[in-house]
């Protein structure tokens, strides 16, 4: 069975991801003044850090090209401040969740899930986790639906900060991490051309670098034994670091949270608005269990 930290990531990630993909937050970020999807994305996700320069966001996010980040920042802050970006994404995400969840949005089960997830999110260790800590410094929500999105976002970035540290320790660069994951899972390079601006020339160069270190096969189509060992170690350490957030919950509370999240996540995934669930290994049938 998968570790609980990974199971919870799969359940919480779609709830968090409405802030990127649903029309409500995208529209609100545009109304706030940001020019284009990517300016809104970088402004909203980095907003808890304050009006920091592109160099800081590039470092913290880890896997975007600096040229991509610097096209959005710091220019974004001339259109609207970080607080406005965060509020737009948060308000839009909550509106999207309400639309996806229907009556579930006001249910006792959601309120209980939000309470449990928030305890974990607010009790996680902050050391070495810059983006999580910045989010953690913001005021807590009062209503359960916003509390759930906040908790999902905190736990997502807590895991992400730990994942970045693990990649760095394993010698896998930010751009390399996309190629390494794609080779391991069979994902198409076209996914990353769209989502991370990795086009053919850069992709081939990144594959070559991984090949030279013995992590991918000569044809670049699969991981070597050393590559699989490295990949497994990264995932295992990421799970272990993420699990520290759930230490405040009793084992039965973790089981309860998993059970309560399943129908909520299923409703979000069923909307079809959140792309890329298959790389996470999540499907609607799994959510029945």
C-alpha atoms as a PDB file:
ATOM      1  CA  UNK A   1       0.000   0.000   0.000  1.00  0.00           C
ATOM      2  CA  UNK A   2       1.176   3.536  -0.727  1.00  0.00           C
ATOM      3  CA  UNK A   3       2.315   5.674   2.213  1.00  0.00           C
ATOM      4  CA  UNK A   4      -0.441   7.828   3.681  1.00  0.00           C
ATOM      5  CA  UNK A   5       1.435  10.996   2.750  1.00  0.00           C
ATOM      6  CA  UNK A   6       1.288  10.045  -0.921  1.00  0.00           C
ATOM      7  CA  UNK A   7      -2.343   8.968  -0.743  1.00  0.00           C
ATOM      8  CA  UNK A   8      -3.250  12.292   0.837  1.00  0.00           C
ATOM      9  CA  UNK A   9      -1.234  14.222  -1.746  1.00  0.00           C
ATOM     10  CA  UNK A  10      -3.205  12.556  -4.536  1.00  0.00           C
ATOM     11  CA  UNK A  11      -6.465  13.454  -2.832  1.00  0.00           C
ATOM     12  CA  UNK A  12      -5.541  17.030  -1.931  1.00  0.00           C
ATOM     13  CA  UNK A  13      -3.702  18.037  -5.115  1.00  0.00           C
ATOM     14  CA  UNK A  14      -6.855  18.330  -7.308  1.00  0.00           C
ATOM     15  CA  UNK A  15      -8.544  20.456  -4.622  1.00  0.00           C
ATOM     16  CA  UNK A  16      -5.554  22.788  -4.613  1.00  0.00           C
ATOM     17  CA  UNK A  17      -5.177  22.737  -8.412  1.00  0.00           C
ATOM     18  CA  UNK A  18      -8.505  24.424  -9.150  1.00  0.00           C
ATOM     19  CA  UNK A  19      -6.587  27.611  -8.338  1.00  0.00           C
ATOM     20  CA  UNK A  20      -4.599  27.109 -11.555  1.00  0.00           C
ATOM     21  CA  UNK A  21      -7.042  25.579 -13.995  1.00  0.00           C
ATOM     22  CA  UNK A  22     -10.639  26.545 -13.239  1.00  0.00           C
ATOM     23  CA  UNK A  23     -12.069  29.607 -15.003  1.00  0.00           C
ATOM     24  CA  UNK A  24     -12.993  31.503 -11.826  1.00  0.00           C
ATOM     25  CA  UNK A  25      -9.465  32.191 -10.529  1.00  0.00           C
ATOM     26  CA  UNK A  26      -8.125  32.802 -14.029  1.00  0.00           C
ATOM     27  CA  UNK A  27     -10.856  35.393 -14.624  1.00  0.00           C
ATOM     28  CA  UNK A  28     -10.312  37.088 -11.261  1.00  0.00           C
ATOM     29  CA  UNK A  29      -6.565  37.349 -11.813  1.00  0.00           C
ATOM     30  CA  UNK A  30      -7.235  38.954 -15.195  1.00  0.00           C
ATOM     31  CA  UNK A  31      -9.726  41.368 -13.605  1.00  0.00           C
ATOM     32  CA  UNK A  32      -7.121  42.225 -10.981  1.00  0.00           C
ATOM     33  CA  UNK A  33      -4.901  43.470 -13.775  1.00  0.00           C
ATOM     34  CA  UNK A  34      -2.413  40.715 -14.596  1.00  0.00           C
ATOM     35  CA  UNK A  35      -1.583  40.279 -18.278  1.00  0.00           C
ATOM     36  CA  UNK A  36      -1.930  36.718 -19.510  1.00  0.00           C
ATOM     37  CA  UNK A  37      -2.146  33.356 -17.773  1.00  0.00           C
ATOM     38  CA  UNK A  38       1.503  33.070 -16.753  1.00  0.00           C
ATOM     39  CA  UNK A  39       1.770  36.501 -15.187  1.00  0.00           C
ATOM     40  CA  UNK A  40      -1.269  35.614 -13.081  1.00  0.00           C
ATOM     41  CA  UNK A  41       0.202  32.208 -12.210  1.00  0.00           C
ATOM     42  CA  UNK A  42       3.584  33.501 -11.050  1.00  0.00           C
ATOM     43  CA  UNK A  43       2.045  36.466  -9.226  1.00  0.00           C
ATOM     44  CA  UNK A  44      -0.575  34.387  -7.401  1.00  0.00           C
ATOM     45  CA  UNK A  45       1.593  31.452  -6.408  1.00  0.00           C
ATOM     46  CA  UNK A  46       4.493  33.601  -5.258  1.00  0.00           C
ATOM     47  CA  UNK A  47       2.289  36.252  -3.617  1.00  0.00           C
ATOM     48  CA  UNK A  48       2.778  34.967  -0.039  1.00  0.00           C
ATOM     49  CA  UNK A  49       6.510  35.710  -0.441  1.00  0.00           C
ATOM     50  CA  UNK A  50       5.766  39.379  -1.128  1.00  0.00           C
ATOM     51  CA  UNK A  51       6.899  41.463  -4.105  1.00  0.00           C
ATOM     52  CA  UNK A  52      10.100  39.491  -4.555  1.00  0.00           C
ATOM     53  CA  UNK A  53      12.198  39.572  -7.739  1.00  0.00           C
ATOM     54  CA  UNK A  54      12.202  36.868 -10.386  1.00  0.00           C
ATOM     55  CA  UNK A  55      15.422  35.382  -9.001  1.00  0.00           C
ATOM     56  CA  UNK A  56      13.736  34.418  -5.733  1.00  0.00           C
ATOM     57  CA  UNK A  57      10.705  32.862  -7.418  1.00  0.00           C
ATOM     58  CA  UNK A  58      12.933  30.991  -9.859  1.00  0.00           C
ATOM     59  CA  UNK A  59      14.885  29.563  -6.924  1.00  0.00           C
ATOM     60  CA  UNK A  60      11.856  28.601  -4.838  1.00  0.00           C
ATOM     61  CA  UNK A  61       9.743  27.165  -7.674  1.00  0.00           C
ATOM     62  CA  UNK A  62      12.849  25.289  -8.928  1.00  0.00           C
ATOM     63  CA  UNK A  63      11.616  23.834 -12.224  1.00  0.00           C
ATOM     64  CA  UNK A  64      10.756  26.850 -14.390  1.00  0.00           C
ATOM     65  CA  UNK A  65      13.219  28.515 -16.752  1.00  0.00           C
ATOM     66  CA  UNK A  66      14.399  31.853 -15.411  1.00  0.00           C
ATOM     67  CA  UNK A  67      13.427  33.500 -18.705  1.00  0.00           C
ATOM     68  CA  UNK A  68       9.855  32.274 -18.176  1.00  0.00           C
ATOM     69  CA  UNK A  69       9.631  33.682 -14.651  1.00  0.00           C
ATOM     70  CA  UNK A  70      11.303  36.984 -15.540  1.00  0.00           C
ATOM     71  CA  UNK A  71       8.754  37.706 -18.261  1.00  0.00           C
ATOM     72  CA  UNK A  72       6.128  37.945 -15.510  1.00  0.00           C
ATOM     73  CA  UNK A  73       8.040  39.246 -12.493  1.00  0.00           C
ATOM     74  CA  UNK A  74       8.620  41.844 -11.211  1.00  0.00           C
ATOM     75  CA  UNK A  75       6.392  43.492 -13.854  1.00  0.00           C
ATOM     76  CA  UNK A  76       3.311  41.878 -12.292  1.00  0.00           C
ATOM     77  CA  UNK A  77       3.661  44.070  -9.220  1.00  0.00           C
ATOM     78  CA  UNK A  78       3.185  47.200 -11.327  1.00  0.00           C
ATOM     79  CA  UNK A  79      -0.334  45.990 -12.147  1.00  0.00           C
ATOM     80  CA  UNK A  80      -1.450  44.836  -8.689  1.00  0.00           C
ATOM     81  CA  UNK A  81       0.260  43.974  -5.381  1.00  0.00           C
ATOM     82  CA  UNK A  82       0.869  40.453  -4.048  1.00  0.00           C
ATOM     83  CA  UNK A  83      -2.087  40.649  -1.652  1.00  0.00           C
ATOM     84  CA  UNK A  84      -4.443  41.203  -4.597  1.00  0.00           C
ATOM     85  CA  UNK A  85      -2.971  38.230  -6.462  1.00  0.00           C
ATOM     86  CA  UNK A  86      -3.401  35.894  -3.518  1.00  0.00           C
ATOM     87  CA  UNK A  87      -6.945  37.075  -2.838  1.00  0.00           C
ATOM     88  CA  UNK A  88      -7.927  36.614  -6.497  1.00  0.00           C
ATOM     89  CA  UNK A  89      -6.584  33.064  -6.687  1.00  0.00           C
ATOM     90  CA  UNK A  90      -8.059  32.104  -3.340  1.00  0.00           C
ATOM     91  CA  UNK A  91     -11.500  33.586  -4.008  1.00  0.00           C
ATOM     92  CA  UNK A  92     -11.601  32.076  -7.476  1.00  0.00           C
ATOM     93  CA  UNK A  93     -10.496  28.662  -6.262  1.00  0.00           C
ATOM     94  CA  UNK A  94     -13.167  28.593  -3.550  1.00  0.00           C
ATOM     95  CA  UNK A  95     -15.837  29.638  -6.076  1.00  0.00           C
ATOM     96  CA  UNK A  96     -14.709  26.832  -8.391  1.00  0.00           C
ATOM     97  CA  UNK A  97     -14.805  24.290  -5.575  1.00  0.00           C
ATOM     98  CA  UNK A  98     -18.327  25.368  -4.654  1.00  0.00           C
ATOM     99  CA  UNK A  99     -19.416  24.846  -8.260  1.00  0.00           C
ATOM    100  CA  UNK A 100     -17.753  21.424  -8.471  1.00  0.00           C
ATOM    101  CA  UNK A 101     -18.972  20.167  -5.096  1.00  0.00           C
ATOM    102  CA  UNK A 102     -22.576  21.373  -5.087  1.00  0.00           C
ATOM    103  CA  UNK A 103     -24.312  20.344  -1.878  1.00  0.00           C
ATOM    104  CA  UNK A 104     -21.093  18.762  -0.589  1.00  0.00           C
ATOM    105  CA  UNK A 105     -19.628  22.265  -0.205  1.00  0.00           C
ATOM    106  CA  UNK A 106     -21.819  22.908   2.852  1.00  0.00           C
ATOM    107  CA  UNK A 107     -21.773  19.403   4.296  1.00  0.00           C
ATOM    108  CA  UNK A 108     -20.638  18.341   7.746  1.00  0.00           C
ATOM    109  CA  UNK A 109     -18.240  15.890   6.103  1.00  0.00           C
ATOM    110  CA  UNK A 110     -16.461  18.703   4.274  1.00  0.00           C
ATOM    111  CA  UNK A 111     -16.250  20.759   7.464  1.00  0.00           C
ATOM    112  CA  UNK A 112     -14.708  17.801   9.264  1.00  0.00           C
ATOM    113  CA  UNK A 113     -12.261  17.153   6.403  1.00  0.00           C
ATOM    114  CA  UNK A 114     -11.284  20.826   6.437  1.00  0.00           C
ATOM    115  CA  UNK A 115     -10.704  20.732  10.193  1.00  0.00           C
ATOM    116  CA  UNK A 116      -8.479  17.654  10.022  1.00  0.00           C
ATOM    117  CA  UNK A 117      -6.537  18.858   6.989  1.00  0.00           C
ATOM    118  CA  UNK A 118      -6.048  22.278   8.550  1.00  0.00           C
ATOM    119  CA  UNK A 119      -4.649  20.785  11.751  1.00  0.00           C
ATOM    120  CA  UNK A 120      -2.045  18.976   9.679  1.00  0.00           C
ATOM    121  CA  UNK A 121      -1.365  21.999   7.484  1.00  0.00           C
ATOM    122  CA  UNK A 122      -0.865  24.377  10.393  1.00  0.00           C
ATOM    123  CA  UNK A 123       1.112  21.887  12.460  1.00  0.00           C
ATOM    124  CA  UNK A 124       3.718  21.004   9.842  1.00  0.00           C
ATOM    125  CA  UNK A 125       7.369  21.959  10.422  1.00  0.00           C
ATOM    126  CA  UNK A 126       8.417  25.168   8.662  1.00  0.00           C
ATOM    127  CA  UNK A 127      12.210  24.807   8.718  1.00  0.00           C
ATOM    128  CA  UNK A 128      13.679  24.791   5.200  1.00  0.00           C
ATOM    129  CA  UNK A 129      10.282  25.237   3.548  1.00  0.00           C
ATOM    130  CA  UNK A 130      10.163  28.819   2.294  1.00  0.00           C
ATOM    131  CA  UNK A 131       6.968  28.790   0.227  1.00  0.00           C
ATOM    132  CA  UNK A 132       5.037  26.789   2.821  1.00  0.00           C
ATOM    133  CA  UNK A 133       6.206  29.123   5.597  1.00  0.00           C
ATOM    134  CA  UNK A 134       5.148  32.195   3.608  1.00  0.00           C
ATOM    135  CA  UNK A 135       1.673  30.713   3.123  1.00  0.00           C
ATOM    136  CA  UNK A 136       1.577  29.689   6.767  1.00  0.00           C
ATOM    137  CA  UNK A 137       2.060  33.331   7.797  1.00  0.00           C
ATOM    138  CA  UNK A 138      -1.242  34.418   6.196  1.00  0.00           C
ATOM    139  CA  UNK A 139      -4.462  34.736   8.238  1.00  0.00           C
ATOM    140  CA  UNK A 140      -6.527  31.562   8.610  1.00  0.00           C
ATOM    141  CA  UNK A 141      -9.968  31.272   7.013  1.00  0.00           C
ATOM    142  CA  UNK A 142     -13.240  31.148   8.924  1.00  0.00           C
ATOM    143  CA  UNK A 143     -15.460  29.183   6.529  1.00  0.00           C
ATOM    144  CA  UNK A 144     -14.847  25.444   5.964  1.00  0.00           C
ATOM    145  CA  UNK A 145     -14.597  25.539   2.165  1.00  0.00           C
ATOM    146  CA  UNK A 146     -11.884  28.200   2.184  1.00  0.00           C
ATOM    147  CA  UNK A 147     -10.202  26.405   5.081  1.00  0.00           C
ATOM    148  CA  UNK A 148     -10.095  23.224   2.975  1.00  0.00           C
ATOM    149  CA  UNK A 149      -8.524  24.973  -0.014  1.00  0.00           C
ATOM    150  CA  UNK A 150      -6.025  26.729   2.243  1.00  0.00           C
ATOM    151  CA  UNK A 151      -5.093  23.442   3.887  1.00  0.00           C
ATOM    152  CA  UNK A 152      -4.715  21.662   0.554  1.00  0.00           C
ATOM    153  CA  UNK A 153      -2.492  24.487  -0.677  1.00  0.00           C
ATOM    154  CA  UNK A 154      -0.349  24.544   2.454  1.00  0.00           C
ATOM    155  CA  UNK A 155       0.131  20.782   2.418  1.00  0.00           C
ATOM    156  CA  UNK A 156       0.883  20.835  -1.288  1.00  0.00           C
ATOM    157  CA  UNK A 157       3.596  23.465  -0.941  1.00  0.00           C
ATOM    158  CA  UNK A 158       4.968  21.781   2.193  1.00  0.00           C
ATOM    159  CA  UNK A 159       5.407  18.599   0.190  1.00  0.00           C
ATOM    160  CA  UNK A 160       6.750  20.575  -2.759  1.00  0.00           C
ATOM    161  CA  UNK A 161       9.410  22.324  -0.703  1.00  0.00           C
ATOM    162  CA  UNK A 162      10.537  18.946   0.605  1.00  0.00           C
ATOM    163  CA  UNK A 163      10.537  17.504  -2.923  1.00  0.00           C
ATOM    164  CA  UNK A 164      12.752  20.337  -4.157  1.00  0.00           C
ATOM    165  CA  UNK A 165      15.230  19.696  -1.350  1.00  0.00           C
ATOM    166  CA  UNK A 166      15.245  15.993  -2.211  1.00  0.00           C
ATOM    167  CA  UNK A 167      15.814  16.631  -5.920  1.00  0.00           C
ATOM    168  CA  UNK A 168      18.627  19.026  -5.114  1.00  0.00           C
ATOM    169  CA  UNK A 169      20.307  16.502  -2.833  1.00  0.00           C
ATOM    170  CA  UNK A 170      19.972  13.815  -5.509  1.00  0.00           C
ATOM    171  CA  UNK A 171      21.626  16.049  -8.092  1.00  0.00           C
ATOM    172  CA  UNK A 172      18.519  16.388 -10.269  1.00  0.00           C
ATOM    173  CA  UNK A 173      18.127  19.952 -11.527  1.00  0.00           C
ATOM    174  CA  UNK A 174      14.801  21.685 -11.796  1.00  0.00           C
ATOM    175  CA  UNK A 175      14.452  21.367 -15.555  1.00  0.00           C
ATOM    176  CA  UNK A 176      15.948  17.874 -15.456  1.00  0.00           C
ATOM    177  CA  UNK A 177      13.294  16.794 -12.965  1.00  0.00           C
ATOM    178  CA  UNK A 178      10.587  17.088 -15.627  1.00  0.00           C
ATOM    179  CA  UNK A 179      12.502  14.956 -18.108  1.00  0.00           C
ATOM    180  CA  UNK A 180      13.475  12.441 -15.430  1.00  0.00           C
ATOM    181  CA  UNK A 181       9.830  12.080 -14.365  1.00  0.00           C
ATOM    182  CA  UNK A 182       8.602  11.856 -17.961  1.00  0.00           C
ATOM    183  CA  UNK A 183      11.063   9.100 -18.838  1.00  0.00           C
ATOM    184  CA  UNK A 184      10.105   7.215 -15.670  1.00  0.00           C
ATOM    185  CA  UNK A 185       6.359   7.420 -16.326  1.00  0.00           C
ATOM    186  CA  UNK A 186       6.185   7.487 -20.111  1.00  0.00           C
ATOM    187  CA  UNK A 187       4.673  10.978 -20.178  1.00  0.00           C
ATOM    188  CA  UNK A 188       4.885  12.806 -23.502  1.00  0.00           C
ATOM    189  CA  UNK A 189       7.418  15.615 -23.907  1.00  0.00           C
ATOM    190  CA  UNK A 190       4.597  17.665 -25.434  1.00  0.00           C
ATOM    191  CA  UNK A 191       3.050  18.003 -21.951  1.00  0.00           C
ATOM    192  CA  UNK A 192       6.125  19.892 -20.794  1.00  0.00           C
ATOM    193  CA  UNK A 193       6.372  22.002 -23.935  1.00  0.00           C
ATOM    194  CA  UNK A 194       3.013  23.457 -22.966  1.00  0.00           C
ATOM    195  CA  UNK A 195       3.317  23.572 -19.174  1.00  0.00           C
ATOM    196  CA  UNK A 196       7.020  24.374 -18.702  1.00  0.00           C
ATOM    197  CA  UNK A 197       8.250  25.698 -22.058  1.00  0.00           C
ATOM    198  CA  UNK A 198      10.644  22.777 -22.563  1.00  0.00           C
ATOM    199  CA  UNK A 199      11.001  22.405 -26.299  1.00  0.00           C
ATOM    200  CA  UNK A 200      12.867  19.833 -28.380  1.00  0.00           C
ATOM    201  CA  UNK A 201      16.377  21.262 -28.249  1.00  0.00           C
ATOM    202  CA  UNK A 202      16.337  21.758 -24.491  1.00  0.00           C
ATOM    203  CA  UNK A 203      14.642  18.390 -23.967  1.00  0.00           C
ATOM    204  CA  UNK A 204      17.340  16.568 -25.932  1.00  0.00           C
ATOM    205  CA  UNK A 205      20.056  18.381 -23.986  1.00  0.00           C
ATOM    206  CA  UNK A 206      18.477  17.424 -20.664  1.00  0.00           C
ATOM    207  CA  UNK A 207      18.135  13.794 -21.740  1.00  0.00           C
ATOM    208  CA  UNK A 208      21.791  13.835 -22.772  1.00  0.00           C
ATOM    209  CA  UNK A 209      22.811  15.101 -19.354  1.00  0.00           C
ATOM    210  CA  UNK A 210      20.850  12.371 -17.582  1.00  0.00           C
ATOM    211  CA  UNK A 211      22.274   9.761 -19.965  1.00  0.00           C
ATOM    212  CA  UNK A 212      25.834  10.892 -19.294  1.00  0.00           C
ATOM    213  CA  UNK A 213      25.266  10.217 -15.585  1.00  0.00           C
ATOM    214  CA  UNK A 214      23.921   6.755 -16.259  1.00  0.00           C
ATOM    215  CA  UNK A 215      20.342   7.543 -15.243  1.00  0.00           C
ATOM    216  CA  UNK A 216      18.591   6.947 -18.576  1.00  0.00           C
ATOM    217  CA  UNK A 217      19.229   4.380 -21.275  1.00  0.00           C
ATOM    218  CA  UNK A 218      21.162   5.119 -24.458  1.00  0.00           C
ATOM    219  CA  UNK A 219      17.967   5.627 -26.444  1.00  0.00           C
ATOM    220  CA  UNK A 220      16.589   7.964 -23.754  1.00  0.00           C
ATOM    221  CA  UNK A 221      13.388   5.938 -23.538  1.00  0.00           C
ATOM    222  CA  UNK A 222      13.620   4.529 -20.025  1.00  0.00           C
ATOM    223  CA  UNK A 223      15.508   4.717 -16.767  1.00  0.00           C
ATOM    224  CA  UNK A 224      18.529   2.557 -16.082  1.00  0.00           C
ATOM    225  CA  UNK A 225      18.772   0.530 -12.880  1.00  0.00           C
ATOM    226  CA  UNK A 226      20.637   3.458 -11.334  1.00  0.00           C
ATOM    227  CA  UNK A 227      17.938   5.814 -12.567  1.00  0.00           C
ATOM    228  CA  UNK A 228      15.154   3.716 -11.080  1.00  0.00           C
ATOM    229  CA  UNK A 229      16.999   3.540  -7.778  1.00  0.00           C
ATOM    230  CA  UNK A 230      17.457   7.313  -7.772  1.00  0.00           C
ATOM    231  CA  UNK A 231      13.817   7.896  -8.676  1.00  0.00           C
ATOM    232  CA  UNK A 232      12.570   5.527  -5.973  1.00  0.00           C
ATOM    233  CA  UNK A 233      14.780   7.237  -3.404  1.00  0.00           C
ATOM    234  CA  UNK A 234      13.487  10.676  -4.346  1.00  0.00           C
ATOM    235  CA  UNK A 235       9.860   9.591  -4.061  1.00  0.00           C
ATOM    236  CA  UNK A 236      10.432   7.749  -0.791  1.00  0.00           C
ATOM    237  CA  UNK A 237      12.242  10.691   0.808  1.00  0.00           C
ATOM    238  CA  UNK A 238       9.600  13.128  -0.460  1.00  0.00           C
ATOM    239  CA  UNK A 239       6.902  11.001   1.170  1.00  0.00           C
ATOM    240  CA  UNK A 240       8.860  10.803   4.423  1.00  0.00           C
ATOM    241  CA  UNK A 241       9.344  14.569   4.551  1.00  0.00           C
ATOM    242  CA  UNK A 242       5.680  15.192   3.710  1.00  0.00           C
ATOM    243  CA  UNK A 243       4.554  12.738   6.393  1.00  0.00           C
ATOM    244  CA  UNK A 244       5.851  15.076   9.098  1.00  0.00           C
ATOM    245  CA  UNK A 245       2.807  17.281   8.494  1.00  0.00           C
ATOM    246  CA  UNK A 246       0.466  14.490   9.560  1.00  0.00           C
ATOM    247  CA  UNK A 247       2.226  13.671  12.817  1.00  0.00           C
ATOM    248  CA  UNK A 248      -0.335  15.816  14.672  1.00  0.00           C
ATOM    249  CA  UNK A 249      -3.148  13.479  13.586  1.00  0.00           C
ATOM    250  CA  UNK A 250      -3.915  10.120  15.155  1.00  0.00           C
ATOM    251  CA  UNK A 251      -3.874   7.098  12.798  1.00  0.00           C
ATOM    252  CA  UNK A 252      -7.664   6.851  12.876  1.00  0.00           C
ATOM    253  CA  UNK A 253      -7.915  10.565  12.036  1.00  0.00           C
ATOM    254  CA  UNK A 254      -5.681  10.072   9.008  1.00  0.00           C
ATOM    255  CA  UNK A 255      -7.919   7.205   7.847  1.00  0.00           C
ATOM    256  CA  UNK A 256     -10.960   9.395   8.437  1.00  0.00           C
ATOM    257  CA  UNK A 257      -9.464  12.251   6.436  1.00  0.00           C
ATOM    258  CA  UNK A 258      -8.709   9.931   3.509  1.00  0.00           C
ATOM    259  CA  UNK A 259     -12.275   8.633   3.566  1.00  0.00           C
ATOM    260  CA  UNK A 260     -13.801  12.110   3.780  1.00  0.00           C
ATOM    261  CA  UNK A 261     -11.660  13.488   0.950  1.00  0.00           C
ATOM    262  CA  UNK A 262     -12.501  10.780  -1.598  1.00  0.00           C
ATOM    263  CA  UNK A 263     -15.958  12.035  -2.655  1.00  0.00           C
ATOM    264  CA  UNK A 264     -14.756  15.636  -2.647  1.00  0.00           C
ATOM    265  CA  UNK A 265     -11.768  14.906  -4.859  1.00  0.00           C
ATOM    266  CA  UNK A 266     -13.875  12.673  -7.098  1.00  0.00           C
ATOM    267  CA  UNK A 267     -16.264  15.567  -7.755  1.00  0.00           C
ATOM    268  CA  UNK A 268     -13.385  17.878  -8.663  1.00  0.00           C
ATOM    269  CA  UNK A 269     -11.666  15.351 -10.939  1.00  0.00           C
ATOM    270  CA  UNK A 270     -14.979  14.465 -12.612  1.00  0.00           C
ATOM    271  CA  UNK A 271     -15.351  18.076 -13.739  1.00  0.00           C
ATOM    272  CA  UNK A 272     -12.590  17.500 -16.272  1.00  0.00           C
ATOM    273  CA  UNK A 273     -11.042  20.898 -15.530  1.00  0.00           C
ATOM    274  CA  UNK A 274      -7.927  19.594 -13.786  1.00  0.00           C
ATOM    275  CA  UNK A 275      -5.490  18.162 -16.350  1.00  0.00           C
ATOM    276  CA  UNK A 276      -2.630  15.814 -15.702  1.00  0.00           C
ATOM    277  CA  UNK A 277      -4.186  13.512 -13.091  1.00  0.00           C
ATOM    278  CA  UNK A 278      -2.876  10.384 -14.802  1.00  0.00           C
ATOM    279  CA  UNK A 279       0.795  11.129 -13.942  1.00  0.00           C
ATOM    280  CA  UNK A 280      -0.283  11.169 -10.281  1.00  0.00           C
ATOM    281  CA  UNK A 281      -1.792   7.723 -10.736  1.00  0.00           C
ATOM    282  CA  UNK A 282      -5.214   8.955  -9.703  1.00  0.00           C
ATOM    283  CA  UNK A 283      -8.410   7.871 -11.369  1.00  0.00           C
ATOM    284  CA  UNK A 284     -12.105   7.900 -10.563  1.00  0.00           C
ATOM    285  CA  UNK A 285     -12.209   4.163  -9.852  1.00  0.00           C
ATOM    286  CA  UNK A 286      -9.510   4.565  -7.200  1.00  0.00           C
ATOM    287  CA  UNK A 287     -11.627   7.190  -5.482  1.00  0.00           C
ATOM    288  CA  UNK A 288     -14.365   4.625  -4.899  1.00  0.00           C
ATOM    289  CA  UNK A 289     -12.090   2.682  -2.566  1.00  0.00           C
END
